[in-house]
């Protein structure tokens, strides 16, 4: 699994086609052969711009999580209670046991399309 930024870079049209001018002076896109495609892809992957893009391991920073405080009171039992979620990274565990504020989850396009397809089946 790679990030969308890297995927978009690897799907660029320039990695599959090259512009060439025909004998009549008209520019055309000519499909690269397998070796040309490999060398173009390798050139992009080895570039500093591609290396600077976030990689797949950027999503693996969360090592622990806590749901709720573990303390129940009469007030929380009688009213609807939404548990608090805190995310903690390895670096924060070793320092001060500080927690990150979690962002509200938003469904991605892929998950939304998958759910719609399942509902329509």
C-alpha atoms as a PDB file:
ATOM      1  CA  UNK A   1       0.000   0.000   0.000  1.00  0.00           C
ATOM      2  CA  UNK A   2       1.414   3.408  -0.971  1.00  0.00           C
ATOM      3  CA  UNK A   3       0.184   6.907  -0.339  1.00  0.00           C
ATOM      4  CA  UNK A   4      -1.997   8.653  -2.889  1.00  0.00           C
ATOM      5  CA  UNK A   5       0.737  11.223  -3.617  1.00  0.00           C
ATOM      6  CA  UNK A   6       3.187   8.478  -4.609  1.00  0.00           C
ATOM      7  CA  UNK A   7       0.526   6.595  -6.567  1.00  0.00           C
ATOM      8  CA  UNK A   8      -0.383   9.725  -8.558  1.00  0.00           C
ATOM      9  CA  UNK A   9       3.297  10.319  -9.322  1.00  0.00           C
ATOM     10  CA  UNK A  10       3.737   6.755 -10.579  1.00  0.00           C
ATOM     11  CA  UNK A  11       0.573   7.002 -12.712  1.00  0.00           C
ATOM     12  CA  UNK A  12       1.735  10.094 -14.621  1.00  0.00           C
ATOM     13  CA  UNK A  13       1.189   9.832 -18.352  1.00  0.00           C
ATOM     14  CA  UNK A  14       4.836  10.718 -19.080  1.00  0.00           C
ATOM     15  CA  UNK A  15       5.901   7.341 -17.663  1.00  0.00           C
ATOM     16  CA  UNK A  16       3.853   5.473 -20.282  1.00  0.00           C
ATOM     17  CA  UNK A  17       4.007   7.704 -23.385  1.00  0.00           C
ATOM     18  CA  UNK A  18       6.486  10.053 -25.019  1.00  0.00           C
ATOM     19  CA  UNK A  19       5.843  12.885 -27.450  1.00  0.00           C
ATOM     20  CA  UNK A  20       7.359  12.344 -30.845  1.00  0.00           C
ATOM     21  CA  UNK A  21       7.145  14.384 -34.020  1.00  0.00           C
ATOM     22  CA  UNK A  22       6.206  12.447 -37.120  1.00  0.00           C
ATOM     23  CA  UNK A  23       7.566  13.031 -40.631  1.00  0.00           C
ATOM     24  CA  UNK A  24       4.575  15.257 -41.345  1.00  0.00           C
ATOM     25  CA  UNK A  25       5.482  17.538 -38.386  1.00  0.00           C
ATOM     26  CA  UNK A  26       2.562  16.462 -36.207  1.00  0.00           C
ATOM     27  CA  UNK A  27       3.334  15.642 -32.580  1.00  0.00           C
ATOM     28  CA  UNK A  28       1.993  12.311 -31.349  1.00  0.00           C
ATOM     29  CA  UNK A  29       2.085  10.294 -28.183  1.00  0.00           C
ATOM     30  CA  UNK A  30       3.975   7.052 -28.685  1.00  0.00           C
ATOM     31  CA  UNK A  31       3.691   4.287 -26.110  1.00  0.00           C
ATOM     32  CA  UNK A  32       6.990   3.425 -24.414  1.00  0.00           C
ATOM     33  CA  UNK A  33       8.223  -0.138 -24.654  1.00  0.00           C
ATOM     34  CA  UNK A  34       8.721  -2.184 -21.496  1.00  0.00           C
ATOM     35  CA  UNK A  35      12.391  -1.257 -20.956  1.00  0.00           C
ATOM     36  CA  UNK A  36      11.770   2.449 -21.575  1.00  0.00           C
ATOM     37  CA  UNK A  37       8.873   2.363 -19.113  1.00  0.00           C
ATOM     38  CA  UNK A  38      11.038   0.652 -16.464  1.00  0.00           C
ATOM     39  CA  UNK A  39      13.873   3.158 -16.857  1.00  0.00           C
ATOM     40  CA  UNK A  40      11.467   6.129 -16.701  1.00  0.00           C
ATOM     41  CA  UNK A  41       9.823   4.689 -13.582  1.00  0.00           C
ATOM     42  CA  UNK A  42      13.218   4.049 -11.943  1.00  0.00           C
ATOM     43  CA  UNK A  43      14.304   7.613 -12.735  1.00  0.00           C
ATOM     44  CA  UNK A  44      11.186   8.956 -10.975  1.00  0.00           C
ATOM     45  CA  UNK A  45      11.518   6.634  -7.959  1.00  0.00           C
ATOM     46  CA  UNK A  46      15.189   7.582  -7.472  1.00  0.00           C
ATOM     47  CA  UNK A  47      14.456  11.321  -7.659  1.00  0.00           C
ATOM     48  CA  UNK A  48      14.642  13.509  -4.550  1.00  0.00           C
ATOM     49  CA  UNK A  49      11.076  14.756  -5.116  1.00  0.00           C
ATOM     50  CA  UNK A  50       9.657  11.210  -4.950  1.00  0.00           C
ATOM     51  CA  UNK A  51      11.693  10.338  -1.857  1.00  0.00           C
ATOM     52  CA  UNK A  52      10.329  13.456  -0.112  1.00  0.00           C
ATOM     53  CA  UNK A  53       6.730  12.260  -0.585  1.00  0.00           C
ATOM     54  CA  UNK A  54       5.190  10.508   2.442  1.00  0.00           C
ATOM     55  CA  UNK A  55       5.559   6.735   2.393  1.00  0.00           C
ATOM     56  CA  UNK A  56       3.387   3.884   3.548  1.00  0.00           C
ATOM     57  CA  UNK A  57       4.894   3.733   7.044  1.00  0.00           C
ATOM     58  CA  UNK A  58       3.672   7.236   7.901  1.00  0.00           C
ATOM     59  CA  UNK A  59       0.373   5.688   8.960  1.00  0.00           C
ATOM     60  CA  UNK A  60       1.968   3.379  11.559  1.00  0.00           C
ATOM     61  CA  UNK A  61       2.839   5.927  14.249  1.00  0.00           C
ATOM     62  CA  UNK A  62       0.046   5.063  16.688  1.00  0.00           C
ATOM     63  CA  UNK A  63       1.136   2.422  19.205  1.00  0.00           C
ATOM     64  CA  UNK A  64      -1.464   2.731  21.985  1.00  0.00           C
ATOM     65  CA  UNK A  65      -4.938   4.128  22.507  1.00  0.00           C
ATOM     66  CA  UNK A  66      -7.312   4.706  25.410  1.00  0.00           C
ATOM     67  CA  UNK A  67     -11.099   4.718  25.124  1.00  0.00           C
ATOM     68  CA  UNK A  68     -12.921   6.493  27.930  1.00  0.00           C
ATOM     69  CA  UNK A  69     -11.584   7.259  31.372  1.00  0.00           C
ATOM     70  CA  UNK A  70     -12.674   4.009  33.054  1.00  0.00           C
ATOM     71  CA  UNK A  71     -14.601   5.919  35.736  1.00  0.00           C
ATOM     72  CA  UNK A  72     -18.389   5.643  35.693  1.00  0.00           C
ATOM     73  CA  UNK A  73     -20.587   8.042  37.626  1.00  0.00           C
ATOM     74  CA  UNK A  74     -24.343   8.226  38.178  1.00  0.00           C
ATOM     75  CA  UNK A  75     -24.564  11.201  35.846  1.00  0.00           C
ATOM     76  CA  UNK A  76     -22.785   9.416  32.979  1.00  0.00           C
ATOM     77  CA  UNK A  77     -25.032   6.355  33.367  1.00  0.00           C
ATOM     78  CA  UNK A  78     -28.219   8.400  33.159  1.00  0.00           C
ATOM     79  CA  UNK A  79     -27.223  10.506  30.147  1.00  0.00           C
ATOM     80  CA  UNK A  80     -25.885   9.452  26.807  1.00  0.00           C
ATOM     81  CA  UNK A  81     -22.098   9.256  27.125  1.00  0.00           C
ATOM     82  CA  UNK A  82     -19.656   9.512  24.232  1.00  0.00           C
ATOM     83  CA  UNK A  83     -16.274   7.988  25.123  1.00  0.00           C
ATOM     84  CA  UNK A  84     -13.205  10.121  24.617  1.00  0.00           C
ATOM     85  CA  UNK A  85     -10.486   8.635  22.459  1.00  0.00           C
ATOM     86  CA  UNK A  86      -6.870   9.616  22.917  1.00  0.00           C
ATOM     87  CA  UNK A  87      -4.019   8.459  20.709  1.00  0.00           C
ATOM     88  CA  UNK A  88      -0.512   8.091  22.088  1.00  0.00           C
ATOM     89  CA  UNK A  89       2.679   7.668  20.108  1.00  0.00           C
ATOM     90  CA  UNK A  90       5.753   5.760  21.215  1.00  0.00           C
ATOM     91  CA  UNK A  91       7.779   8.962  21.621  1.00  0.00           C
ATOM     92  CA  UNK A  92       5.096  10.507  23.821  1.00  0.00           C
ATOM     93  CA  UNK A  93       4.854   7.396  25.987  1.00  0.00           C
ATOM     94  CA  UNK A  94       8.540   7.644  26.798  1.00  0.00           C
ATOM     95  CA  UNK A  95       8.378  11.398  27.511  1.00  0.00           C
ATOM     96  CA  UNK A  96       5.414  12.670  29.508  1.00  0.00           C
ATOM     97  CA  UNK A  97       2.590  10.296  28.591  1.00  0.00           C
ATOM     98  CA  UNK A  98       1.004  13.174  26.665  1.00  0.00           C
ATOM     99  CA  UNK A  99      -1.950  12.426  24.402  1.00  0.00           C
ATOM    100  CA  UNK A 100      -2.856  13.615  20.935  1.00  0.00           C
ATOM    101  CA  UNK A 101      -6.205  15.141  20.177  1.00  0.00           C
ATOM    102  CA  UNK A 102      -7.995  12.873  17.732  1.00  0.00           C
ATOM    103  CA  UNK A 103      -9.663  14.317  14.650  1.00  0.00           C
ATOM    104  CA  UNK A 104     -13.204  13.466  13.684  1.00  0.00           C
ATOM    105  CA  UNK A 105     -13.304  10.467  11.350  1.00  0.00           C
ATOM    106  CA  UNK A 106     -14.408  11.232   7.810  1.00  0.00           C
ATOM    107  CA  UNK A 107     -15.269   8.476   5.387  1.00  0.00           C
ATOM    108  CA  UNK A 108     -12.969   8.253   2.360  1.00  0.00           C
ATOM    109  CA  UNK A 109     -14.324   8.124  -1.189  1.00  0.00           C
ATOM    110  CA  UNK A 110     -13.253   4.491  -1.567  1.00  0.00           C
ATOM    111  CA  UNK A 111     -15.078   3.422   1.609  1.00  0.00           C
ATOM    112  CA  UNK A 112     -18.148   5.414   0.598  1.00  0.00           C
ATOM    113  CA  UNK A 113     -18.226   3.849  -2.884  1.00  0.00           C
ATOM    114  CA  UNK A 114     -17.748   0.362  -1.405  1.00  0.00           C
ATOM    115  CA  UNK A 115     -20.622   0.898   1.020  1.00  0.00           C
ATOM    116  CA  UNK A 116     -22.917   2.184  -1.757  1.00  0.00           C
ATOM    117  CA  UNK A 117     -22.057  -0.801  -3.979  1.00  0.00           C
ATOM    118  CA  UNK A 118     -22.813  -3.243  -1.149  1.00  0.00           C
ATOM    119  CA  UNK A 119     -26.157  -1.549  -0.456  1.00  0.00           C
ATOM    120  CA  UNK A 120     -27.139  -1.775  -4.131  1.00  0.00           C
ATOM    121  CA  UNK A 121     -26.313  -5.501  -4.425  1.00  0.00           C
END
